[in-house]
Amino acid sequence: MAARPSGAESRPVSLPLSRIRVIMKSSPEVSSINQDALFLTAKATELFVQYLAAYSYKHGRGKEKNALTYSDLSHTAEECETFQFLADILPKKILASKYLKMLEKEKREGEVREDDEEDEEEEDEDEPVDEDAGS
């Protein structure tokens, strides 16, 4: 069994092992989970979250406000190559009104593209085919 740190901490990990076990078992490839693997996964996750928070605080506006904000985390996920895999999980927050405007714009652009494609198809149909050109 892995050596677990002892000392001032009463718990070796802060995350609930039962929840981590449930998450790990949700994978179809996992049938059983070794206690050492569970402990190491919990500790690695804890260290990762600490690193993400520290990096976001250091490179965000957290120092100015003496607080870590969601926008600091989302900025880190978007800008730092190491954390870009989190960009979908930590998207930048936008107002609902801005989101609705974006949807309207995309809808209009989609309609314009469809109209352009239809126009091109009609032009292709209108052009006469020169059968003698191939001989």
C-alpha atoms as a PDB file:
ATOM      1  CA  MET A   1       0.000   0.000   0.000  1.00  0.00           C
ATOM      2  CA  ALA A   2       1.255   3.519  -0.761  1.00  0.00           C
ATOM      3  CA  ALA A   3       2.809   5.538   2.006  1.00  0.00           C
ATOM      4  CA  ARG A   4       0.332   8.141   3.123  1.00  0.00           C
ATOM      5  CA  PRO A   5       1.538  11.371   4.630  1.00  0.00           C
ATOM      6  CA  SER A   6       1.121  11.768   8.344  1.00  0.00           C
ATOM      7  CA  GLY A   7       1.532  14.832  10.439  1.00  0.00           C
ATOM      8  CA  ALA A   8      -0.516  17.922  11.145  1.00  0.00           C
ATOM      9  CA  GLU A   9      -3.195  16.986   8.591  1.00  0.00           C
ATOM     10  CA  SER A  10      -5.900  14.725   9.955  1.00  0.00           C
ATOM     11  CA  ARG A  11      -6.866  13.642   6.426  1.00  0.00           C
ATOM     12  CA  PRO A  12      -4.341  12.794   3.709  1.00  0.00           C
ATOM     13  CA  VAL A  13      -6.680  14.103   0.984  1.00  0.00           C
ATOM     14  CA  SER A  14      -9.401  16.743   1.052  1.00  0.00           C
ATOM     15  CA  LEU A  15     -11.627  15.296  -1.646  1.00  0.00           C
ATOM     16  CA  PRO A  16     -14.240  12.672  -0.712  1.00  0.00           C
ATOM     17  CA  LEU A  17     -12.964   9.271  -1.811  1.00  0.00           C
ATOM     18  CA  SER A  18     -16.497   7.890  -2.172  1.00  0.00           C
ATOM     19  CA  ARG A  19     -17.330  10.514  -4.827  1.00  0.00           C
ATOM     20  CA  ILE A  20     -14.103   9.858  -6.689  1.00  0.00           C
ATOM     21  CA  ARG A  21     -14.860   6.131  -6.623  1.00  0.00           C
ATOM     22  CA  VAL A  22     -18.313   6.814  -8.152  1.00  0.00           C
ATOM     23  CA  ILE A  23     -16.757   8.952 -10.904  1.00  0.00           C
ATOM     24  CA  MET A  24     -14.110   6.340 -11.641  1.00  0.00           C
ATOM     25  CA  LYS A  25     -16.694   3.528 -11.748  1.00  0.00           C
ATOM     26  CA  SER A  26     -18.808   5.510 -14.207  1.00  0.00           C
ATOM     27  CA  SER A  27     -16.285   4.530 -16.877  1.00  0.00           C
ATOM     28  CA  PRO A  28     -17.339   1.298 -18.623  1.00  0.00           C
ATOM     29  CA  GLU A  29     -13.711   0.078 -18.720  1.00  0.00           C
ATOM     30  CA  VAL A  30     -13.415   0.105 -14.915  1.00  0.00           C
ATOM     31  CA  SER A  31     -14.641  -2.957 -13.045  1.00  0.00           C
ATOM     32  CA  SER A  32     -12.833  -2.598  -9.722  1.00  0.00           C
ATOM     33  CA  ILE A  33     -10.744   0.111  -8.103  1.00  0.00           C
ATOM     34  CA  ASN A  34      -7.667  -0.530  -6.015  1.00  0.00           C
ATOM     35  CA  GLN A  35      -7.465   1.575  -2.825  1.00  0.00           C
ATOM     36  CA  ASP A  36      -4.015   2.835  -3.820  1.00  0.00           C
ATOM     37  CA  ALA A  37      -5.306   3.911  -7.230  1.00  0.00           C
ATOM     38  CA  LEU A  38      -8.240   5.666  -5.590  1.00  0.00           C
ATOM     39  CA  PHE A  39      -5.993   7.490  -3.132  1.00  0.00           C
ATOM     40  CA  LEU A  40      -3.493   8.522  -5.815  1.00  0.00           C
ATOM     41  CA  THR A  41      -6.257   9.743  -8.136  1.00  0.00           C
ATOM     42  CA  ALA A  42      -7.721  11.814  -5.311  1.00  0.00           C
ATOM     43  CA  LYS A  43      -4.339  13.287  -4.409  1.00  0.00           C
ATOM     44  CA  ALA A  44      -3.444  14.034  -8.046  1.00  0.00           C
ATOM     45  CA  THR A  45      -6.825  15.729  -8.556  1.00  0.00           C
ATOM     46  CA  GLU A  46      -6.347  17.780  -5.411  1.00  0.00           C
ATOM     47  CA  LEU A  47      -2.878  18.905  -6.516  1.00  0.00           C
ATOM     48  CA  PHE A  48      -4.164  19.737  -9.997  1.00  0.00           C
ATOM     49  CA  VAL A  49      -6.968  21.907  -8.610  1.00  0.00           C
ATOM     50  CA  GLN A  50      -4.497  23.664  -6.303  1.00  0.00           C
ATOM     51  CA  TYR A  51      -2.146  24.333  -9.237  1.00  0.00           C
ATOM     52  CA  LEU A  52      -4.983  25.616 -11.429  1.00  0.00           C
ATOM     53  CA  ALA A  53      -6.183  27.936  -8.664  1.00  0.00           C
ATOM     54  CA  ALA A  54      -2.691  29.225  -7.855  1.00  0.00           C
ATOM     55  CA  TYR A  55      -1.858  29.812 -11.531  1.00  0.00           C
ATOM     56  CA  SER A  56      -5.181  31.570 -12.152  1.00  0.00           C
ATOM     57  CA  TYR A  57      -4.731  33.746  -9.072  1.00  0.00           C
ATOM     58  CA  LYS A  58      -1.165  34.661 -10.017  1.00  0.00           C
ATOM     59  CA  HIS A  59      -1.934  35.455 -13.673  1.00  0.00           C
ATOM     60  CA  GLY A  60      -5.427  36.882 -13.213  1.00  0.00           C
ATOM     61  CA  ARG A  61      -6.880  39.857 -11.432  1.00  0.00           C
ATOM     62  CA  GLY A  62      -7.020  37.928  -8.177  1.00  0.00           C
ATOM     63  CA  LYS A  63      -4.080  39.793  -6.718  1.00  0.00           C
ATOM     64  CA  GLU A  64      -5.815  43.133  -7.220  1.00  0.00           C
ATOM     65  CA  LYS A  65      -9.009  41.972  -5.529  1.00  0.00           C
ATOM     66  CA  ASN A  66      -7.318  39.499  -3.181  1.00  0.00           C
ATOM     67  CA  ALA A  67      -9.751  36.881  -4.500  1.00  0.00           C
ATOM     68  CA  LEU A  68      -9.934  34.208  -7.165  1.00  0.00           C
ATOM     69  CA  THR A  69     -12.861  34.670  -9.543  1.00  0.00           C
ATOM     70  CA  TYR A  70     -14.523  32.530 -12.173  1.00  0.00           C
ATOM     71  CA  SER A  71     -13.282  34.910 -14.854  1.00  0.00           C
ATOM     72  CA  ASP A  72      -9.690  34.293 -13.687  1.00  0.00           C
ATOM     73  CA  LEU A  73     -10.219  30.539 -14.125  1.00  0.00           C
ATOM     74  CA  SER A  74     -11.889  30.884 -17.522  1.00  0.00           C
ATOM     75  CA  HIS A  75      -9.152  33.254 -18.708  1.00  0.00           C
ATOM     76  CA  THR A  76      -6.513  30.719 -17.655  1.00  0.00           C
ATOM     77  CA  ALA A  77      -8.345  27.912 -19.484  1.00  0.00           C
ATOM     78  CA  GLU A  78      -8.534  30.019 -22.626  1.00  0.00           C
ATOM     79  CA  GLU A  79      -5.051  31.558 -22.648  1.00  0.00           C
ATOM     80  CA  CYS A  80      -2.712  28.985 -21.073  1.00  0.00           C
ATOM     81  CA  GLU A  81      -1.829  26.070 -23.350  1.00  0.00           C
ATOM     82  CA  THR A  82      -1.542  23.702 -20.383  1.00  0.00           C
ATOM     83  CA  PHE A  83      -5.165  24.295 -19.386  1.00  0.00           C
ATOM     84  CA  GLN A  84      -6.791  24.672 -22.821  1.00  0.00           C
ATOM     85  CA  PHE A  85      -8.485  21.292 -22.468  1.00  0.00           C
ATOM     86  CA  LEU A  86     -10.691  22.990 -19.852  1.00  0.00           C
ATOM     87  CA  ALA A  87     -11.907  25.745 -22.197  1.00  0.00           C
ATOM     88  CA  ASP A  88     -15.248  23.989 -22.830  1.00  0.00           C
ATOM     89  CA  ILE A  89     -15.754  23.361 -19.122  1.00  0.00           C
ATOM     90  CA  LEU A  90     -14.799  26.894 -18.049  1.00  0.00           C
ATOM     91  CA  PRO A  91     -16.178  29.142 -20.793  1.00  0.00           C
ATOM     92  CA  LYS A  92     -16.116  32.898 -20.468  1.00  0.00           C
ATOM     93  CA  LYS A  93     -19.356  34.204 -19.034  1.00  0.00           C
ATOM     94  CA  ILE A  94     -21.496  36.357 -21.268  1.00  0.00           C
ATOM     95  CA  LEU A  95     -24.781  38.121 -20.656  1.00  0.00           C
ATOM     96  CA  ALA A  96     -27.928  36.434 -21.918  1.00  0.00           C
ATOM     97  CA  SER A  97     -28.665  39.449 -24.118  1.00  0.00           C
ATOM     98  CA  LYS A  98     -25.263  39.116 -25.832  1.00  0.00           C
ATOM     99  CA  TYR A  99     -25.849  35.396 -26.318  1.00  0.00           C
ATOM    100  CA  LEU A 100     -29.240  36.024 -27.919  1.00  0.00           C
ATOM    101  CA  LYS A 101     -27.674  38.600 -30.255  1.00  0.00           C
ATOM    102  CA  MET A 102     -24.987  36.062 -31.215  1.00  0.00           C
ATOM    103  CA  LEU A 103     -27.678  33.463 -31.990  1.00  0.00           C
ATOM    104  CA  GLU A 104     -29.606  35.944 -34.124  1.00  0.00           C
ATOM    105  CA  LYS A 105     -26.435  36.881 -36.014  1.00  0.00           C
ATOM    106  CA  GLU A 106     -25.569  33.224 -36.642  1.00  0.00           C
ATOM    107  CA  LYS A 107     -29.128  32.568 -37.795  1.00  0.00           C
ATOM    108  CA  ARG A 108     -29.014  35.500 -40.233  1.00  0.00           C
ATOM    109  CA  GLU A 109     -25.607  34.435 -41.553  1.00  0.00           C
ATOM    110  CA  GLY A 110     -26.889  30.894 -42.000  1.00  0.00           C
ATOM    111  CA  GLU A 111     -29.877  32.146 -43.980  1.00  0.00           C
ATOM    112  CA  VAL A 112     -27.625  34.327 -46.153  1.00  0.00           C
ATOM    113  CA  ARG A 113     -25.327  31.366 -46.878  1.00  0.00           C
ATOM    114  CA  GLU A 114     -28.306  29.185 -47.812  1.00  0.00           C
ATOM    115  CA  ASP A 115     -29.597  31.896 -50.171  1.00  0.00           C
ATOM    116  CA  ASP A 116     -26.139  32.197 -51.766  1.00  0.00           C
ATOM    117  CA  GLU A 117     -25.960  28.433 -52.289  1.00  0.00           C
ATOM    118  CA  GLU A 118     -29.418  28.400 -53.881  1.00  0.00           C
ATOM    119  CA  ASP A 119     -28.418  31.267 -56.200  1.00  0.00           C
ATOM    120  CA  GLU A 120     -25.284  29.372 -57.266  1.00  0.00           C
ATOM    121  CA  GLU A 121     -27.309  26.240 -57.968  1.00  0.00           C
ATOM    122  CA  GLU A 122     -29.779  28.226 -60.088  1.00  0.00           C
ATOM    123  CA  GLU A 123     -26.903  29.806 -62.057  1.00  0.00           C
ATOM    124  CA  ASP A 124     -25.424  26.364 -62.705  1.00  0.00           C
ATOM    125  CA  GLU A 125     -28.776  25.128 -64.023  1.00  0.00           C
ATOM    126  CA  ASP A 126     -29.168  28.156 -66.301  1.00  0.00           C
ATOM    127  CA  GLU A 127     -25.774  27.733 -68.008  1.00  0.00           C
ATOM    128  CA  PRO A 128     -26.035  25.816 -71.305  1.00  0.00           C
ATOM    129  CA  VAL A 129     -23.970  22.692 -71.609  1.00  0.00           C
ATOM    130  CA  ASP A 130     -21.732  22.709 -74.701  1.00  0.00           C
ATOM    131  CA  GLU A 131     -21.586  19.116 -75.881  1.00  0.00           C
ATOM    132  CA  ASP A 132     -19.087  19.863 -78.658  1.00  0.00           C
ATOM    133  CA  ALA A 133     -16.495  21.266 -76.235  1.00  0.00           C
ATOM    134  CA  GLY A 134     -15.320  17.786 -75.218  1.00  0.00           C
ATOM    135  CA  SER A 135     -14.550  16.608 -78.784  1.00  0.00           C
END
